[in-house]
Amino acid sequence: MARSSRGEARPGMWRREAGTVVRRAAPVPERAAAAPFAIIAGLHVPRVPTEWAPHSHPLHELVWVRGGTLTSRVEDRVFTVSEGHGLWMPAGTVHGGRSTAGAEFYDAFFAPDRTPAAFAFEEPKAIAMTPLLESLLTHLSRTDLDADARARAESVVFDVLQPSPRQFALQLPGDARIDAIAEALLDDPADGRSLEEWARQLGISDRTITRAFRHATGLSFAQWRQVLRVHRALTLLSEGFDVMTVSETLGYAQPSSFIAAFRRIMGTTPGAFFDTADGTLRDVRNPVSRVQNS
């Protein structure tokens, strides 16, 4: 767990927004254990920024949002889920999460013994939330479906459910030599200290920091900070902040610098990424690969 500047344990994500409500995870619906169903789906609309304490479920869980973003911490990775994508959490995986105010938060639980082996993912996986998949899961949230209708819908869900081409996860270093850097940037992505300044503060060489970041994350220090800032940008943009405000919040001198960094990582501009209100899937290559190859 990362700690905030006040020493407060939190799920290794961004500084909490004012008014954030911290909740325990809601229990798995009782009917999921008793009924012969593979999938139980539901909808929640938190009216304020909401954080869920680290927890796990005995069932696989698929979560997705509309009108906001969801950030989830799983061990040494931070996942950011925006419209058009979901996050599959294998049964038993300990995770914490945070959603933006007013986001429509959807979840669906999948019984492991009734889920096809093709979906026995060993780690969290971004899922392509196509309109068809969302409609099917919304249909399955009904409580008045007979067994045959539910079985037919569940069968189609497993036909169309597939990993997203965009697996957008931020790998945290997990290296005691540089964890202080990661925690500081999670707390304040606008922290502009250079590699040389961090080296002096930590009493190690800038080469050591560079090698440590490369070994732990596959990225240089500068590349890793860029990816972290884009994770944070997705949340801020989904909350309605304009590009100027987001660029200033993230420490960019000019909005054009932020837009260029966003395009380099996401393959498109912030405006183009958020230009559709219907959550249409944007088919972009793995952002980490974009950074590594840039």
C-alpha atoms as a PDB file:
ATOM      1  CA  MET A   1       0.000   0.000   0.000  1.00  0.00           C
ATOM      2  CA  ALA A   2       1.231   3.483  -0.793  1.00  0.00           C
ATOM      3  CA  ARG A   3       0.877   6.199   1.802  1.00  0.00           C
ATOM      4  CA  SER A   4      -0.259   9.754   1.374  1.00  0.00           C
ATOM      5  CA  SER A   5       1.768  12.754   2.483  1.00  0.00           C
ATOM      6  CA  ARG A   6      -0.091  12.511   5.790  1.00  0.00           C
ATOM      7  CA  GLY A   7       0.963   8.873   6.249  1.00  0.00           C
ATOM      8  CA  GLU A   8      -2.561   7.620   5.594  1.00  0.00           C
ATOM      9  CA  ALA A   9      -2.689   4.130   4.056  1.00  0.00           C
ATOM     10  CA  ARG A  10      -4.600   4.091   0.795  1.00  0.00           C
ATOM     11  CA  PRO A  11      -4.937   1.862  -2.293  1.00  0.00           C
ATOM     12  CA  GLY A  12      -1.818   3.227  -4.043  1.00  0.00           C
ATOM     13  CA  MET A  13      -3.706   5.658  -6.224  1.00  0.00           C
ATOM     14  CA  TRP A  14      -4.212   9.404  -6.461  1.00  0.00           C
ATOM     15  CA  ARG A  15      -4.724  11.831  -3.632  1.00  0.00           C
ATOM     16  CA  ARG A  16      -8.317  11.589  -2.470  1.00  0.00           C
ATOM     17  CA  GLU A  17     -10.714  14.224  -3.682  1.00  0.00           C
ATOM     18  CA  ALA A  18     -12.529  16.290  -1.080  1.00  0.00           C
ATOM     19  CA  GLY A  19     -15.778  14.599  -0.104  1.00  0.00           C
ATOM     20  CA  THR A  20     -14.662  11.085  -1.063  1.00  0.00           C
ATOM     21  CA  VAL A  21     -16.702   8.411   0.695  1.00  0.00           C
ATOM     22  CA  VAL A  22     -14.795   5.262   1.668  1.00  0.00           C
ATOM     23  CA  ARG A  23     -16.893   2.115   1.594  1.00  0.00           C
ATOM     24  CA  ARG A  24     -16.462  -1.537   2.217  1.00  0.00           C
ATOM     25  CA  ALA A  25     -17.173  -3.682  -0.816  1.00  0.00           C
ATOM     26  CA  ALA A  26     -20.824  -4.589  -1.258  1.00  0.00           C
ATOM     27  CA  PRO A  27     -21.460  -8.286  -0.699  1.00  0.00           C
ATOM     28  CA  VAL A  28     -21.985 -10.530  -3.689  1.00  0.00           C
ATOM     29  CA  PRO A  29     -25.740 -10.779  -4.397  1.00  0.00           C
ATOM     30  CA  GLU A  30     -27.229 -13.649  -2.397  1.00  0.00           C
ATOM     31  CA  ARG A  31     -28.939 -15.064  -5.464  1.00  0.00           C
ATOM     32  CA  ALA A  32     -25.529 -15.572  -7.088  1.00  0.00           C
ATOM     33  CA  ALA A  33     -24.705 -18.407  -4.682  1.00  0.00           C
ATOM     34  CA  ALA A  34     -28.078 -20.102  -4.712  1.00  0.00           C
ATOM     35  CA  ALA A  35     -29.275 -19.733  -8.288  1.00  0.00           C
ATOM     36  CA  PRO A  36     -28.055 -21.834 -11.220  1.00  0.00           C
ATOM     37  CA  PHE A  37     -26.902 -18.723 -13.064  1.00  0.00           C
ATOM     38  CA  ALA A  38     -23.478 -17.950 -14.480  1.00  0.00           C
ATOM     39  CA  ILE A  39     -23.889 -14.161 -14.403  1.00  0.00           C
ATOM     40  CA  ILE A  40     -25.445 -11.703 -11.948  1.00  0.00           C
ATOM     41  CA  ALA A  41     -25.317  -8.034 -13.015  1.00  0.00           C
ATOM     42  CA  GLY A  42     -26.196  -4.757 -11.320  1.00  0.00           C
ATOM     43  CA  LEU A  43     -25.886  -0.949 -11.392  1.00  0.00           C
ATOM     44  CA  HIS A  44     -24.838   1.620  -8.774  1.00  0.00           C
ATOM     45  CA  VAL A  45     -24.602   5.402  -9.165  1.00  0.00           C
ATOM     46  CA  PRO A  46     -22.447   6.955  -6.414  1.00  0.00           C
ATOM     47  CA  ARG A  47     -23.332  10.640  -6.074  1.00  0.00           C
ATOM     48  CA  VAL A  48     -19.930  11.529  -4.626  1.00  0.00           C
ATOM     49  CA  PRO A  49     -16.368  10.337  -5.300  1.00  0.00           C
ATOM     50  CA  THR A  50     -16.308   6.833  -3.846  1.00  0.00           C
ATOM     51  CA  GLU A  51     -13.464   4.597  -2.747  1.00  0.00           C
ATOM     52  CA  TRP A  52     -13.753   0.901  -1.990  1.00  0.00           C
ATOM     53  CA  ALA A  53     -11.353  -0.533   0.561  1.00  0.00           C
ATOM     54  CA  PRO A  54      -9.180  -3.474  -0.598  1.00  0.00           C
ATOM     55  CA  HIS A  55     -11.285  -6.622  -0.828  1.00  0.00           C
ATOM     56  CA  SER A  56     -11.845  -9.766  -2.890  1.00  0.00           C
ATOM     57  CA  HIS A  57     -14.813 -11.790  -4.121  1.00  0.00           C
ATOM     58  CA  PRO A  58     -15.390 -15.544  -4.423  1.00  0.00           C
ATOM     59  CA  LEU A  59     -16.699 -14.914  -7.968  1.00  0.00           C
ATOM     60  CA  HIS A  60     -15.107 -13.368 -11.045  1.00  0.00           C
ATOM     61  CA  GLU A  61     -16.139  -9.705 -11.348  1.00  0.00           C
ATOM     62  CA  LEU A  62     -16.468  -7.468 -14.408  1.00  0.00           C
ATOM     63  CA  VAL A  63     -16.780  -3.730 -13.692  1.00  0.00           C
ATOM     64  CA  TRP A  64     -17.332  -0.824 -16.078  1.00  0.00           C
ATOM     65  CA  VAL A  65     -18.472   2.775 -15.883  1.00  0.00           C
ATOM     66  CA  ARG A  66     -20.357   5.416 -17.810  1.00  0.00           C
ATOM     67  CA  GLY A  67     -19.998   9.148 -17.248  1.00  0.00           C
ATOM     68  CA  GLY A  68     -16.709   8.895 -15.380  1.00  0.00           C
ATOM     69  CA  THR A  69     -13.776   6.643 -14.663  1.00  0.00           C
ATOM     70  CA  LEU A  70     -12.853   3.875 -12.258  1.00  0.00           C
ATOM     71  CA  THR A  71      -9.331   3.452 -10.936  1.00  0.00           C
ATOM     72  CA  SER A  72      -8.369   0.134  -9.371  1.00  0.00           C
ATOM     73  CA  ARG A  73      -5.225  -0.923  -7.537  1.00  0.00           C
ATOM     74  CA  VAL A  74      -4.186  -4.580  -7.775  1.00  0.00           C
ATOM     75  CA  GLU A  75      -0.883  -5.343  -6.063  1.00  0.00           C
ATOM     76  CA  ASP A  76       1.746  -3.301  -7.948  1.00  0.00           C
ATOM     77  CA  ARG A  77      -0.487  -2.141 -10.781  1.00  0.00           C
ATOM     78  CA  VAL A  78      -2.984   0.678 -11.195  1.00  0.00           C
ATOM     79  CA  PHE A  79      -5.753   0.208 -13.789  1.00  0.00           C
ATOM     80  CA  THR A  80      -7.804   3.094 -15.159  1.00  0.00           C
ATOM     81  CA  VAL A  81     -11.159   2.135 -16.672  1.00  0.00           C
ATOM     82  CA  SER A  82     -12.851   4.674 -18.931  1.00  0.00           C
ATOM     83  CA  GLU A  83     -15.993   4.434 -21.057  1.00  0.00           C
ATOM     84  CA  GLY A  84     -15.888   1.684 -23.636  1.00  0.00           C
ATOM     85  CA  HIS A  85     -13.762  -0.583 -21.467  1.00  0.00           C
ATOM     86  CA  GLY A  86     -14.265  -2.780 -18.429  1.00  0.00           C
ATOM     87  CA  LEU A  87     -12.003  -4.571 -15.978  1.00  0.00           C
ATOM     88  CA  TRP A  88     -12.212  -8.317 -15.337  1.00  0.00           C
ATOM     89  CA  MET A  89     -11.137  -9.234 -11.822  1.00  0.00           C
ATOM     90  CA  PRO A  90     -10.485 -12.957 -11.284  1.00  0.00           C
ATOM     91  CA  ALA A  91     -12.093 -14.559  -8.246  1.00  0.00           C
ATOM     92  CA  GLY A  92     -10.035 -14.137  -5.099  1.00  0.00           C
ATOM     93  CA  THR A  93      -8.006 -11.164  -6.399  1.00  0.00           C
ATOM     94  CA  VAL A  94      -7.532  -8.491  -3.725  1.00  0.00           C
ATOM     95  CA  HIS A  95      -8.224  -5.054  -5.164  1.00  0.00           C
ATOM     96  CA  GLY A  96      -9.223  -1.544  -4.147  1.00  0.00           C
ATOM     97  CA  GLY A  97     -11.085   0.916  -6.318  1.00  0.00           C
ATOM     98  CA  ARG A  98     -12.160   4.503  -6.711  1.00  0.00           C
ATOM     99  CA  SER A  99     -14.832   6.032  -8.958  1.00  0.00           C
ATOM    100  CA  THR A 100     -15.465   9.641  -9.882  1.00  0.00           C
ATOM    101  CA  ALA A 101     -18.540  11.468  -8.621  1.00  0.00           C
ATOM    102  CA  GLY A 102     -21.747  10.655 -10.476  1.00  0.00           C
ATOM    103  CA  ALA A 103     -20.249   7.830 -12.537  1.00  0.00           C
ATOM    104  CA  GLU A 104     -22.656   5.033 -13.359  1.00  0.00           C
ATOM    105  CA  PHE A 105     -20.885   2.003 -11.920  1.00  0.00           C
ATOM    106  CA  TYR A 106     -21.854  -1.385 -13.331  1.00  0.00           C
ATOM    107  CA  ASP A 107     -20.710  -4.783 -12.173  1.00  0.00           C
ATOM    108  CA  ALA A 108     -21.381  -8.368 -13.143  1.00  0.00           C
ATOM    109  CA  PHE A 109     -20.378 -11.443 -11.163  1.00  0.00           C
ATOM    110  CA  PHE A 110     -19.480 -14.696 -12.920  1.00  0.00           C
ATOM    111  CA  ALA A 111     -19.635 -18.056 -11.148  1.00  0.00           C
ATOM    112  CA  PRO A 112     -16.211 -19.696 -11.678  1.00  0.00           C
ATOM    113  CA  ASP A 113     -17.663 -23.191 -12.021  1.00  0.00           C
ATOM    114  CA  ARG A 114     -20.051 -22.016 -14.747  1.00  0.00           C
ATOM    115  CA  THR A 115     -17.649 -19.749 -16.635  1.00  0.00           C
ATOM    116  CA  PRO A 116     -15.921 -21.230 -19.730  1.00  0.00           C
ATOM    117  CA  ALA A 117     -12.240 -22.074 -19.310  1.00  0.00           C
ATOM    118  CA  ALA A 118     -11.327 -19.457 -21.940  1.00  0.00           C
ATOM    119  CA  PHE A 119     -12.119 -16.781 -19.333  1.00  0.00           C
ATOM    120  CA  ALA A 120     -10.012 -18.281 -16.553  1.00  0.00           C
ATOM    121  CA  PHE A 121      -7.684 -15.267 -16.622  1.00  0.00           C
ATOM    122  CA  GLU A 122      -5.000 -15.448 -13.947  1.00  0.00           C
ATOM    123  CA  GLU A 123      -4.743 -11.665 -13.633  1.00  0.00           C
ATOM    124  CA  PRO A 124      -6.957  -8.618 -14.174  1.00  0.00           C
ATOM    125  CA  LYS A 125      -7.769  -7.957 -17.798  1.00  0.00           C
ATOM    126  CA  ALA A 126      -9.257  -4.965 -19.619  1.00  0.00           C
ATOM    127  CA  ILE A 127     -12.416  -6.018 -21.472  1.00  0.00           C
ATOM    128  CA  ALA A 128     -13.899  -4.446 -24.607  1.00  0.00           C
ATOM    129  CA  MET A 129     -17.318  -3.155 -23.498  1.00  0.00           C
ATOM    130  CA  THR A 130     -19.098  -3.130 -26.836  1.00  0.00           C
ATOM    131  CA  PRO A 131     -22.692  -1.860 -26.972  1.00  0.00           C
ATOM    132  CA  LEU A 132     -23.870  -5.452 -27.501  1.00  0.00           C
ATOM    133  CA  LEU A 133     -22.058  -6.729 -24.409  1.00  0.00           C
ATOM    134  CA  GLU A 134     -23.380  -3.871 -22.281  1.00  0.00           C
ATOM    135  CA  SER A 135     -26.926  -4.490 -23.500  1.00  0.00           C
ATOM    136  CA  LEU A 136     -26.712  -8.196 -22.716  1.00  0.00           C
ATOM    137  CA  LEU A 137     -25.419  -7.591 -19.212  1.00  0.00           C
ATOM    138  CA  THR A 138     -28.087  -4.951 -18.600  1.00  0.00           C
ATOM    139  CA  HIS A 139     -30.652  -7.509 -19.780  1.00  0.00           C
ATOM    140  CA  LEU A 140     -29.234 -10.048 -17.322  1.00  0.00           C
ATOM    141  CA  SER A 141     -29.650  -7.587 -14.429  1.00  0.00           C
ATOM    142  CA  ARG A 142     -33.396  -8.186 -14.654  1.00  0.00           C
ATOM    143  CA  THR A 143     -34.886 -10.458 -12.009  1.00  0.00           C
ATOM    144  CA  ASP A 144     -37.892 -11.593 -14.050  1.00  0.00           C
ATOM    145  CA  LEU A 145     -36.070 -13.636 -16.724  1.00  0.00           C
ATOM    146  CA  ASP A 146     -36.975 -17.292 -16.935  1.00  0.00           C
ATOM    147  CA  ALA A 147     -34.206 -19.903 -16.925  1.00  0.00           C
ATOM    148  CA  ASP A 148     -34.247 -20.437 -20.703  1.00  0.00           C
ATOM    149  CA  ALA A 149     -34.044 -16.728 -21.535  1.00  0.00           C
ATOM    150  CA  ARG A 150     -31.211 -16.244 -19.071  1.00  0.00           C
ATOM    151  CA  ALA A 151     -29.282 -19.223 -20.436  1.00  0.00           C
ATOM    152  CA  ARG A 152     -29.570 -17.905 -23.992  1.00  0.00           C
ATOM    153  CA  ALA A 153     -28.351 -14.437 -22.995  1.00  0.00           C
ATOM    154  CA  GLU A 154     -25.460 -15.851 -20.942  1.00  0.00           C
ATOM    155  CA  SER A 155     -24.366 -17.955 -23.902  1.00  0.00           C
ATOM    156  CA  VAL A 156     -24.170 -14.878 -26.142  1.00  0.00           C
ATOM    157  CA  VAL A 157     -22.245 -12.953 -23.462  1.00  0.00           C
ATOM    158  CA  PHE A 158     -19.507 -15.570 -23.567  1.00  0.00           C
ATOM    159  CA  ASP A 159     -19.509 -15.376 -27.364  1.00  0.00           C
ATOM    160  CA  VAL A 160     -18.891 -11.602 -27.453  1.00  0.00           C
ATOM    161  CA  LEU A 161     -16.850 -10.991 -24.302  1.00  0.00           C
ATOM    162  CA  GLN A 162     -13.199 -10.461 -25.223  1.00  0.00           C
ATOM    163  CA  PRO A 163     -10.109  -8.657 -23.937  1.00  0.00           C
ATOM    164  CA  SER A 164      -9.689  -5.053 -25.015  1.00  0.00           C
ATOM    165  CA  PRO A 165      -6.850  -4.181 -27.391  1.00  0.00           C
ATOM    166  CA  ARG A 166      -5.987  -1.478 -24.842  1.00  0.00           C
ATOM    167  CA  GLN A 167      -4.560  -3.019 -21.675  1.00  0.00           C
ATOM    168  CA  PHE A 168      -3.887   0.266 -19.853  1.00  0.00           C
ATOM    169  CA  ALA A 169      -2.190  -0.548 -16.551  1.00  0.00           C
ATOM    170  CA  LEU A 170       0.450   1.459 -14.719  1.00  0.00           C
ATOM    171  CA  GLN A 171       3.135  -0.822 -13.312  1.00  0.00           C
ATOM    172  CA  LEU A 172       4.370   0.474  -9.954  1.00  0.00           C
ATOM    173  CA  PRO A 173       8.083  -0.118  -9.334  1.00  0.00           C
ATOM    174  CA  GLY A 174       7.970  -2.190  -6.148  1.00  0.00           C
ATOM    175  CA  ASP A 175      11.649  -1.322  -5.639  1.00  0.00           C
ATOM    176  CA  ALA A 176      12.644   0.246  -2.318  1.00  0.00           C
ATOM    177  CA  ARG A 177      15.256   2.420  -4.047  1.00  0.00           C
ATOM    178  CA  ILE A 178      12.660   4.301  -6.119  1.00  0.00           C
ATOM    179  CA  ASP A 179       9.300   3.678  -4.416  1.00  0.00           C
ATOM    180  CA  ALA A 180       9.498   7.151  -2.861  1.00  0.00           C
ATOM    181  CA  ILE A 181       9.456   8.640  -6.366  1.00  0.00           C
ATOM    182  CA  ALA A 182       6.379   6.637  -7.386  1.00  0.00           C
ATOM    183  CA  GLU A 183       4.513   7.526  -4.192  1.00  0.00           C
ATOM    184  CA  ALA A 184       5.298  11.236  -4.571  1.00  0.00           C
ATOM    185  CA  LEU A 185       4.060  11.268  -8.169  1.00  0.00           C
ATOM    186  CA  LEU A 186       0.914   9.321  -7.298  1.00  0.00           C
ATOM    187  CA  ASP A 187       0.229  11.921  -4.623  1.00  0.00           C
ATOM    188  CA  ASP A 188       1.050  14.811  -6.960  1.00  0.00           C
ATOM    189  CA  PRO A 189       1.477  13.999 -10.684  1.00  0.00           C
ATOM    190  CA  ALA A 190       2.587  17.612 -11.249  1.00  0.00           C
ATOM    191  CA  ASP A 191       5.757  17.040  -9.193  1.00  0.00           C
ATOM    192  CA  GLY A 192       8.376  18.226 -11.667  1.00  0.00           C
ATOM    193  CA  ARG A 193      11.558  17.165  -9.919  1.00  0.00           C
ATOM    194  CA  SER A 194      14.133  15.994 -12.441  1.00  0.00           C
ATOM    195  CA  LEU A 195      16.003  12.718 -12.450  1.00  0.00           C
ATOM    196  CA  GLU A 196      19.088  14.526 -11.129  1.00  0.00           C
ATOM    197  CA  GLU A 197      17.099  16.181  -8.316  1.00  0.00           C
ATOM    198  CA  TRP A 198      15.644  12.849  -7.237  1.00  0.00           C
ATOM    199  CA  ALA A 199      19.099  11.269  -7.317  1.00  0.00           C
ATOM    200  CA  ARG A 200      20.468  13.951  -4.989  1.00  0.00           C
ATOM    201  CA  GLN A 201      17.512  13.669  -2.627  1.00  0.00           C
ATOM    202  CA  LEU A 202      17.691   9.860  -2.428  1.00  0.00           C
ATOM    203  CA  GLY A 203      21.458   9.712  -2.290  1.00  0.00           C
ATOM    204  CA  ILE A 204      21.812   7.438  -5.315  1.00  0.00           C
ATOM    205  CA  SER A 205      22.953   8.002  -8.881  1.00  0.00           C
ATOM    206  CA  ASP A 206      20.621   8.968 -11.695  1.00  0.00           C
ATOM    207  CA  ARG A 207      21.846   5.866 -13.531  1.00  0.00           C
ATOM    208  CA  THR A 208      20.631   3.702 -10.644  1.00  0.00           C
ATOM    209  CA  ILE A 209      17.193   5.316 -10.828  1.00  0.00           C
ATOM    210  CA  THR A 210      17.062   4.843 -14.599  1.00  0.00           C
ATOM    211  CA  ARG A 211      18.072   1.185 -14.393  1.00  0.00           C
ATOM    212  CA  ALA A 212      15.632   0.544 -11.547  1.00  0.00           C
ATOM    213  CA  PHE A 213      12.695   2.024 -13.474  1.00  0.00           C
ATOM    214  CA  ARG A 214      13.631   0.116 -16.632  1.00  0.00           C
ATOM    215  CA  HIS A 215      13.950  -3.168 -14.746  1.00  0.00           C
ATOM    216  CA  ALA A 216      10.735  -2.777 -12.726  1.00  0.00           C
ATOM    217  CA  THR A 217       8.415  -1.167 -15.276  1.00  0.00           C
ATOM    218  CA  GLY A 218      10.010  -1.481 -18.715  1.00  0.00           C
ATOM    219  CA  LEU A 219      10.001   2.324 -18.988  1.00  0.00           C
ATOM    220  CA  SER A 220      12.440   5.116 -18.255  1.00  0.00           C
ATOM    221  CA  PHE A 221      11.660   7.497 -15.407  1.00  0.00           C
ATOM    222  CA  ALA A 222      10.409  10.161 -17.850  1.00  0.00           C
ATOM    223  CA  GLN A 223       8.274   7.673 -19.786  1.00  0.00           C
ATOM    224  CA  TRP A 224       6.773   6.243 -16.600  1.00  0.00           C
ATOM    225  CA  ARG A 225       5.837   9.724 -15.370  1.00  0.00           C
ATOM    226  CA  GLN A 226       4.175  10.456 -18.711  1.00  0.00           C
ATOM    227  CA  VAL A 227       2.059   7.304 -18.474  1.00  0.00           C
ATOM    228  CA  LEU A 228       1.123   8.098 -14.861  1.00  0.00           C
ATOM    229  CA  ARG A 229       0.022  11.593 -15.874  1.00  0.00           C
ATOM    230  CA  VAL A 230      -2.170  10.227 -18.672  1.00  0.00           C
ATOM    231  CA  HIS A 231      -3.840   7.853 -16.188  1.00  0.00           C
ATOM    232  CA  ARG A 232      -4.658  10.849 -14.034  1.00  0.00           C
ATOM    233  CA  ALA A 233      -5.708  12.897 -17.076  1.00  0.00           C
ATOM    234  CA  LEU A 234      -8.323  10.299 -18.022  1.00  0.00           C
ATOM    235  CA  THR A 235      -9.994  10.788 -14.652  1.00  0.00           C
ATOM    236  CA  LEU A 236      -9.843  14.592 -14.747  1.00  0.00           C
ATOM    237  CA  LEU A 237     -11.102  14.820 -18.339  1.00  0.00           C
ATOM    238  CA  SER A 238     -13.976  12.441 -17.620  1.00  0.00           C
ATOM    239  CA  GLU A 239     -15.021  14.746 -14.782  1.00  0.00           C
ATOM    240  CA  GLY A 240     -15.411  17.607 -17.260  1.00  0.00           C
ATOM    241  CA  PHE A 241     -12.202  19.564 -16.673  1.00  0.00           C
ATOM    242  CA  ASP A 242     -10.943  21.307 -19.793  1.00  0.00           C
ATOM    243  CA  VAL A 243      -7.580  20.590 -21.390  1.00  0.00           C
ATOM    244  CA  MET A 244      -6.052  23.831 -20.077  1.00  0.00           C
ATOM    245  CA  THR A 245      -6.961  22.981 -16.474  1.00  0.00           C
ATOM    246  CA  VAL A 246      -5.812  19.376 -16.808  1.00  0.00           C
ATOM    247  CA  SER A 247      -2.476  20.362 -18.321  1.00  0.00           C
ATOM    248  CA  GLU A 248      -1.837  22.834 -15.481  1.00  0.00           C
ATOM    249  CA  THR A 249      -2.910  20.309 -12.845  1.00  0.00           C
ATOM    250  CA  LEU A 250      -0.474  17.749 -14.247  1.00  0.00           C
ATOM    251  CA  GLY A 251       2.441  20.158 -14.377  1.00  0.00           C
ATOM    252  CA  TYR A 252       2.677  20.886 -18.103  1.00  0.00           C
ATOM    253  CA  ALA A 253       3.902  24.356 -19.074  1.00  0.00           C
ATOM    254  CA  GLN A 254       1.637  24.490 -22.126  1.00  0.00           C
ATOM    255  CA  PRO A 255      -1.578  22.641 -23.111  1.00  0.00           C
ATOM    256  CA  SER A 256       0.131  21.718 -26.385  1.00  0.00           C
ATOM    257  CA  SER A 257       2.768  19.762 -24.442  1.00  0.00           C
ATOM    258  CA  PHE A 258       0.051  17.831 -22.625  1.00  0.00           C
ATOM    259  CA  ILE A 259      -1.847  17.123 -25.839  1.00  0.00           C
ATOM    260  CA  ALA A 260       1.338  15.862 -27.505  1.00  0.00           C
ATOM    261  CA  ALA A 261       2.107  13.551 -24.552  1.00  0.00           C
ATOM    262  CA  PHE A 262      -1.483  12.252 -24.503  1.00  0.00           C
ATOM    263  CA  ARG A 263      -1.372  11.565 -28.249  1.00  0.00           C
ATOM    264  CA  ARG A 264       1.989   9.812 -27.946  1.00  0.00           C
ATOM    265  CA  ILE A 265       0.630   7.421 -25.310  1.00  0.00           C
ATOM    266  CA  MET A 266      -3.027   6.996 -26.325  1.00  0.00           C
ATOM    267  CA  GLY A 267      -2.661   7.402 -30.091  1.00  0.00           C
ATOM    268  CA  THR A 268      -5.191  10.233 -30.236  1.00  0.00           C
ATOM    269  CA  THR A 269      -5.846  13.655 -28.729  1.00  0.00           C
ATOM    270  CA  PRO A 270      -7.829  14.122 -25.480  1.00  0.00           C
ATOM    271  CA  GLY A 271     -10.685  15.704 -27.450  1.00  0.00           C
ATOM    272  CA  ALA A 272     -10.886  12.811 -29.903  1.00  0.00           C
ATOM    273  CA  PHE A 273     -10.700  10.249 -27.104  1.00  0.00           C
ATOM    274  CA  PHE A 274     -13.677  11.750 -25.297  1.00  0.00           C
ATOM    275  CA  ASP A 275     -15.613  12.986 -28.332  1.00  0.00           C
ATOM    276  CA  THR A 276     -18.351  10.344 -28.203  1.00  0.00           C
ATOM    277  CA  ALA A 277     -20.855  10.192 -25.392  1.00  0.00           C
ATOM    278  CA  ASP A 278     -21.981   6.656 -26.179  1.00  0.00           C
ATOM    279  CA  GLY A 279     -18.825   4.936 -24.982  1.00  0.00           C
ATOM    280  CA  THR A 280     -17.894   3.615 -28.426  1.00  0.00           C
ATOM    281  CA  LEU A 281     -14.782   1.461 -28.168  1.00  0.00           C
ATOM    282  CA  ARG A 282     -11.659   3.185 -29.374  1.00  0.00           C
ATOM    283  CA  ASP A 283      -9.269   0.634 -30.887  1.00  0.00           C
ATOM    284  CA  VAL A 284      -5.823   1.844 -29.871  1.00  0.00           C
ATOM    285  CA  ARG A 285      -2.615  -0.095 -29.431  1.00  0.00           C
ATOM    286  CA  ASN A 286      -1.267  -0.895 -25.963  1.00  0.00           C
ATOM    287  CA  PRO A 287      -0.193   2.531 -24.614  1.00  0.00           C
ATOM    288  CA  VAL A 288       2.870   1.142 -22.832  1.00  0.00           C
ATOM    289  CA  SER A 289       4.098  -0.267 -26.142  1.00  0.00           C
ATOM    290  CA  ARG A 290       3.574   3.162 -27.701  1.00  0.00           C
ATOM    291  CA  VAL A 291       5.792   4.760 -25.061  1.00  0.00           C
ATOM    292  CA  GLN A 292       8.470   2.068 -25.256  1.00  0.00           C
ATOM    293  CA  ASN A 293       8.664   2.439 -29.027  1.00  0.00           C
ATOM    294  CA  SER A 294       8.612   6.245 -29.090  1.00  0.00           C
END
